[in-house]
N, C-alpha and C. Protein backbone atom coordinates (compact mmCIF):
# COMPACT_ATOMS: atom_id res chain seq x y z
N MET A 1 16.16 -15.07 -6.28
CA MET A 1 15.50 -14.62 -5.16
C MET A 1 14.71 -13.16 -5.59
N LYS A 2 15.39 -12.21 -6.14
CA LYS A 2 15.00 -10.89 -6.63
C LYS A 2 14.07 -11.11 -7.66
N ASN A 3 13.84 -12.00 -8.56
CA ASN A 3 12.91 -12.16 -9.42
C ASN A 3 11.40 -12.57 -8.55
N LEU A 4 11.36 -13.26 -7.72
CA LEU A 4 10.61 -14.01 -6.82
C LEU A 4 9.97 -12.56 -6.24
N ILE A 5 10.49 -11.67 -5.71
CA ILE A 5 10.15 -10.54 -5.12
C ILE A 5 9.46 -9.49 -6.14
N GLN A 6 9.84 -9.55 -7.03
CA GLN A 6 9.48 -8.51 -8.13
C GLN A 6 7.94 -8.81 -8.74
N SER A 7 7.60 -9.96 -8.45
CA SER A 7 6.38 -10.29 -9.28
C SER A 7 5.31 -10.94 -8.20
N ASN A 8 4.06 -10.54 -8.45
CA ASN A 8 2.68 -11.16 -7.51
C ASN A 8 2.84 -12.58 -7.15
N THR A 9 2.84 -13.34 -8.39
CA THR A 9 3.28 -14.69 -8.28
C THR A 9 4.42 -15.13 -7.62
N GLY A 10 5.61 -14.50 -7.63
CA GLY A 10 6.66 -14.72 -6.65
C GLY A 10 6.48 -14.43 -5.13
N ARG A 11 5.89 -13.29 -5.11
CA ARG A 11 5.36 -13.08 -3.72
C ARG A 11 4.50 -13.96 -3.00
N LEU A 12 3.63 -14.44 -3.95
CA LEU A 12 2.51 -15.44 -3.41
C LEU A 12 3.50 -16.68 -3.12
N ARG A 13 4.45 -17.12 -3.98
CA ARG A 13 5.26 -18.29 -3.59
C ARG A 13 5.95 -18.08 -2.47
N ILE A 14 6.43 -16.97 -2.03
CA ILE A 14 7.21 -16.68 -0.88
C ILE A 14 6.26 -16.77 0.42
N ILE A 15 4.90 -16.16 0.36
CA ILE A 15 4.04 -16.35 1.36
C ILE A 15 3.80 -17.59 1.50
N ALA A 16 3.50 -18.44 0.57
CA ALA A 16 3.08 -19.94 0.57
C ALA A 16 4.03 -20.72 1.52
N PHE A 17 5.45 -20.45 0.99
CA PHE A 17 6.53 -21.16 1.63
C PHE A 17 6.32 -20.79 3.22
N LEU A 18 6.45 -19.65 3.54
CA LEU A 18 6.30 -18.93 5.05
C LEU A 18 5.01 -19.62 5.72
N GLU A 19 4.02 -19.69 5.02
CA GLU A 19 2.76 -20.24 5.52
C GLU A 19 3.01 -21.68 5.87
N GLY A 20 3.52 -22.53 4.88
CA GLY A 20 3.58 -24.03 5.02
C GLY A 20 4.61 -24.07 6.30
N ILE A 21 5.76 -23.42 6.34
CA ILE A 21 6.61 -23.61 7.46
C ILE A 21 5.99 -23.12 8.77
N SER A 22 5.13 -22.05 8.83
CA SER A 22 4.61 -21.74 10.23
C SER A 22 3.65 -22.87 10.68
N LEU A 23 2.84 -23.49 9.49
CA LEU A 23 1.97 -24.39 9.96
C LEU A 23 2.61 -25.52 10.62
N LEU A 24 3.73 -26.21 9.90
CA LEU A 24 4.65 -27.06 10.41
C LEU A 24 5.11 -27.02 11.69
N VAL A 25 5.53 -25.75 12.05
CA VAL A 25 6.04 -25.43 13.29
C VAL A 25 5.04 -25.48 14.40
N LEU A 26 3.81 -24.77 14.11
CA LEU A 26 2.73 -24.86 14.92
C LEU A 26 2.32 -26.46 15.37
N VAL A 27 2.12 -26.98 14.13
CA VAL A 27 1.56 -28.52 14.20
C VAL A 27 2.60 -29.58 14.99
N PHE A 28 3.84 -29.62 14.39
CA PHE A 28 4.69 -30.31 14.75
C PHE A 28 5.56 -29.81 16.10
N ILE A 29 5.75 -28.74 16.23
CA ILE A 29 6.64 -28.38 17.64
C ILE A 29 5.88 -27.90 18.76
N ALA A 30 5.13 -26.71 18.24
CA ALA A 30 4.44 -25.98 19.29
C ALA A 30 3.46 -26.61 19.96
N VAL A 31 2.50 -27.38 19.38
CA VAL A 31 1.34 -28.04 19.89
C VAL A 31 1.96 -29.00 20.69
N PRO A 32 2.82 -29.94 20.37
CA PRO A 32 3.26 -31.03 21.09
C PRO A 32 4.06 -30.31 22.52
N LEU A 33 4.52 -29.18 22.41
CA LEU A 33 5.29 -28.61 23.53
C LEU A 33 4.09 -28.22 24.47
N LYS A 34 2.97 -27.76 23.80
CA LYS A 34 1.90 -27.20 24.56
C LYS A 34 1.30 -28.22 25.46
N TYR A 35 1.05 -29.48 24.90
CA TYR A 35 0.30 -30.41 25.43
C TYR A 35 1.14 -31.63 25.96
N PHE A 36 2.37 -31.72 25.57
CA PHE A 36 3.17 -32.72 26.27
C PHE A 36 4.07 -32.14 27.33
N GLY A 37 4.70 -30.78 27.01
CA GLY A 37 5.79 -30.31 27.99
C GLY A 37 4.87 -29.07 28.75
N HIS A 38 3.65 -29.02 28.55
CA HIS A 38 2.69 -28.31 29.61
C HIS A 38 3.46 -26.62 29.36
N ASP A 39 4.00 -26.45 28.10
CA ASP A 39 4.40 -24.95 28.00
C ASP A 39 3.56 -24.19 26.61
N PRO A 40 2.66 -23.58 26.94
CA PRO A 40 1.96 -22.81 25.92
C PRO A 40 2.59 -21.76 25.24
N HIS A 41 3.91 -21.40 25.41
CA HIS A 41 4.25 -20.27 24.87
C HIS A 41 4.65 -20.03 23.47
N MET A 42 5.18 -21.25 22.97
CA MET A 42 5.36 -21.24 21.46
C MET A 42 4.11 -21.19 20.73
N VAL A 43 3.11 -21.86 21.31
CA VAL A 43 1.49 -21.71 20.70
C VAL A 43 1.03 -20.27 20.55
N LYS A 44 1.35 -19.67 21.77
CA LYS A 44 0.81 -18.35 21.75
C LYS A 44 1.75 -17.13 20.71
N ALA A 45 3.01 -17.50 20.53
CA ALA A 45 3.63 -16.81 19.82
C ALA A 45 3.49 -17.25 18.27
N MET A 46 3.35 -18.61 17.84
CA MET A 46 3.31 -19.07 16.60
C MET A 46 1.71 -18.83 16.07
N GLY A 47 0.91 -19.10 17.05
CA GLY A 47 -0.54 -18.95 16.52
C GLY A 47 -0.83 -17.60 15.75
N PRO A 48 -0.90 -16.56 16.35
CA PRO A 48 -0.88 -15.29 15.47
C PRO A 48 -0.21 -15.12 14.32
N ILE A 49 1.08 -15.62 14.51
CA ILE A 49 1.89 -15.47 13.08
C ILE A 49 1.38 -16.26 12.00
N HIS A 50 1.18 -17.40 12.38
CA HIS A 50 0.63 -18.38 11.23
C HIS A 50 -0.81 -18.01 10.92
N GLY A 51 -1.76 -17.25 11.56
CA GLY A 51 -2.78 -16.70 11.42
C GLY A 51 -2.75 -15.69 10.16
N ALA A 52 -1.83 -14.85 10.60
CA ALA A 52 -1.51 -13.48 9.64
C ALA A 52 -1.05 -14.18 8.36
N LEU A 53 0.02 -15.01 8.28
CA LEU A 53 0.49 -15.67 7.05
C LEU A 53 -0.63 -16.31 6.26
N PHE A 54 -1.46 -17.02 6.97
CA PHE A 54 -2.85 -17.79 6.33
C PHE A 54 -3.53 -16.74 5.57
N LEU A 55 -4.02 -15.62 6.49
CA LEU A 55 -4.84 -14.75 5.67
C LEU A 55 -3.95 -13.88 4.49
N LEU A 56 -2.87 -13.63 4.81
CA LEU A 56 -2.08 -13.11 3.68
C LEU A 56 -2.14 -13.80 2.47
N PHE A 57 -1.92 -15.24 2.50
CA PHE A 57 -1.87 -16.25 1.56
C PHE A 57 -3.00 -16.08 0.87
N VAL A 58 -4.13 -16.53 1.79
CA VAL A 58 -5.54 -16.46 1.17
C VAL A 58 -5.92 -15.16 0.32
N PHE A 59 -5.70 -13.96 0.85
CA PHE A 59 -5.81 -12.74 0.00
C PHE A 59 -5.03 -12.56 -1.29
N ASN A 60 -3.80 -13.11 -1.08
CA ASN A 60 -2.58 -12.90 -2.24
C ASN A 60 -3.16 -13.98 -3.42
N THR A 61 -3.74 -15.03 -2.89
CA THR A 61 -3.76 -16.34 -3.87
C THR A 61 -5.30 -15.71 -4.55
N LEU A 62 -6.09 -14.96 -4.03
CA LEU A 62 -7.46 -14.25 -4.65
C LEU A 62 -6.79 -13.16 -5.52
N SER A 63 -6.00 -12.19 -5.16
CA SER A 63 -5.66 -11.24 -5.86
C SER A 63 -4.76 -11.81 -7.05
N VAL A 64 -3.86 -12.81 -6.99
CA VAL A 64 -3.11 -13.24 -8.01
C VAL A 64 -4.16 -13.82 -9.26
N GLY A 65 -5.20 -14.56 -8.49
CA GLY A 65 -5.93 -15.51 -9.43
C GLY A 65 -7.04 -14.46 -10.37
N VAL A 66 -7.53 -13.28 -9.49
CA VAL A 66 -7.98 -12.41 -10.46
C VAL A 66 -7.15 -11.71 -11.38
N GLU A 67 -5.83 -11.37 -11.02
CA GLU A 67 -4.90 -10.67 -11.95
C GLU A 67 -4.65 -11.48 -12.95
N GLN A 68 -4.46 -12.82 -12.87
CA GLN A 68 -3.89 -13.70 -14.01
C GLN A 68 -5.00 -14.34 -14.56
N GLN A 69 -6.14 -14.20 -14.26
CA GLN A 69 -7.40 -14.94 -14.53
C GLN A 69 -7.50 -16.28 -14.61
N TRP A 70 -7.15 -16.70 -13.36
CA TRP A 70 -7.12 -18.27 -12.93
C TRP A 70 -8.76 -18.66 -13.12
N LYS A 71 -9.06 -19.87 -13.55
CA LYS A 71 -10.19 -20.23 -13.38
C LYS A 71 -10.46 -21.04 -12.27
N PHE A 72 -11.51 -20.66 -11.36
CA PHE A 72 -11.40 -21.09 -10.20
C PHE A 72 -11.46 -22.44 -9.81
N LYS A 73 -12.19 -23.17 -10.83
CA LYS A 73 -12.38 -24.74 -10.85
C LYS A 73 -11.16 -25.31 -10.99
N THR A 74 -10.41 -25.01 -11.65
CA THR A 74 -9.17 -25.58 -12.23
C THR A 74 -7.87 -25.08 -11.29
N THR A 75 -7.87 -23.88 -10.81
CA THR A 75 -6.43 -23.29 -10.16
C THR A 75 -6.87 -22.93 -9.05
N THR A 76 -7.47 -21.66 -8.60
CA THR A 76 -7.82 -20.89 -7.58
C THR A 76 -8.09 -21.96 -6.34
N TRP A 77 -9.13 -22.66 -6.52
CA TRP A 77 -9.54 -23.43 -5.47
C TRP A 77 -8.51 -24.47 -4.73
N LYS A 78 -7.65 -24.93 -5.65
CA LYS A 78 -6.60 -25.98 -5.44
C LYS A 78 -5.30 -25.00 -4.82
N VAL A 79 -5.11 -23.90 -5.01
CA VAL A 79 -3.98 -23.16 -4.46
C VAL A 79 -4.50 -22.84 -3.01
N LEU A 80 -5.90 -22.35 -2.75
CA LEU A 80 -6.57 -22.00 -1.54
C LEU A 80 -6.47 -23.33 -0.56
N ILE A 81 -6.94 -24.51 -1.00
CA ILE A 81 -7.09 -25.66 -0.20
C ILE A 81 -5.57 -25.93 0.33
N ALA A 82 -4.46 -25.71 -0.43
CA ALA A 82 -3.29 -26.19 -0.11
C ALA A 82 -2.71 -25.57 1.13
N CYS A 83 -3.51 -24.43 1.77
CA CYS A 83 -2.93 -23.74 2.85
C CYS A 83 -3.55 -24.37 4.12
N ILE A 84 -4.32 -25.06 3.99
CA ILE A 84 -4.85 -26.02 5.37
C ILE A 84 -4.43 -27.38 5.30
N ILE A 85 -3.70 -27.89 4.50
CA ILE A 85 -2.89 -29.14 4.55
C ILE A 85 -1.58 -29.09 4.64
N PRO A 86 -1.16 -29.62 5.95
CA PRO A 86 0.38 -29.79 5.96
C PRO A 86 1.27 -30.23 4.63
N PHE A 87 2.27 -29.54 4.41
CA PHE A 87 2.88 -29.82 3.23
C PHE A 87 2.31 -29.27 1.90
N GLY A 88 0.89 -28.94 2.11
CA GLY A 88 0.16 -28.51 0.98
C GLY A 88 0.86 -27.23 0.11
N THR A 89 1.22 -26.49 0.96
CA THR A 89 1.75 -25.15 0.08
C THR A 89 3.06 -25.47 -0.53
N PHE A 90 3.70 -26.41 -0.10
CA PHE A 90 5.10 -27.09 -0.90
C PHE A 90 4.69 -27.74 -1.99
N TYR A 91 3.63 -28.54 -1.86
CA TYR A 91 2.97 -29.27 -3.08
C TYR A 91 2.52 -28.25 -4.04
N ILE A 92 1.69 -27.48 -3.77
CA ILE A 92 1.03 -26.46 -4.82
C ILE A 92 2.04 -25.35 -5.41
N ASP A 93 3.09 -25.32 -4.58
CA ASP A 93 4.38 -24.53 -5.53
C ASP A 93 4.89 -25.13 -6.59
N SER A 94 5.13 -26.37 -6.22
CA SER A 94 5.94 -27.29 -7.18
C SER A 94 5.04 -27.55 -8.46
N ARG A 95 3.67 -27.80 -8.27
CA ARG A 95 2.87 -28.33 -9.21
C ARG A 95 2.23 -27.15 -9.91
N ILE A 96 1.98 -26.16 -9.35
CA ILE A 96 1.12 -24.77 -9.81
C ILE A 96 1.85 -23.76 -9.96
N LEU A 97 2.22 -23.11 -8.96
CA LEU A 97 2.66 -21.76 -8.89
C LEU A 97 4.12 -21.57 -9.74
N ARG A 98 5.14 -22.31 -9.51
CA ARG A 98 6.31 -22.42 -10.08
C ARG A 98 6.14 -22.52 -11.71
N LYS A 99 5.18 -23.02 -12.10
CA LYS A 99 5.07 -23.23 -13.42
C LYS A 99 4.35 -21.87 -13.97
N LEU A 100 3.66 -21.27 -13.28
CA LEU A 100 3.13 -19.89 -13.88
C LEU A 100 4.15 -18.75 -14.23
N GLY A 101 5.34 -19.10 -13.62
CA GLY A 101 6.30 -17.93 -13.98
C GLY A 101 6.27 -16.83 -13.06
N ASP A 102 7.21 -16.14 -13.00
CA ASP A 102 7.39 -14.96 -12.12
C ASP A 102 7.61 -13.63 -12.94
């Protein structure tokens, strides 16, 4: 864990994990509670958290991509798309980010 925090790629991996978890909580717990349980409180709490993590992921992806000179057509766009697909950040971590090293 210490190695992850010390590198930009490692921090991106942590943000990707948190962003993925927040999306899953929002989509599979908070939204059903809102519409089936008529309780919007969790959406109101998780929405801004997920939004902040999403933006943090996008900005960090672009930053790491520039720093490591990723080719947009082969790496950057795949990492960016991952954050809008449920489980996408987990997949992209195992396929791309983990292999880049920390």
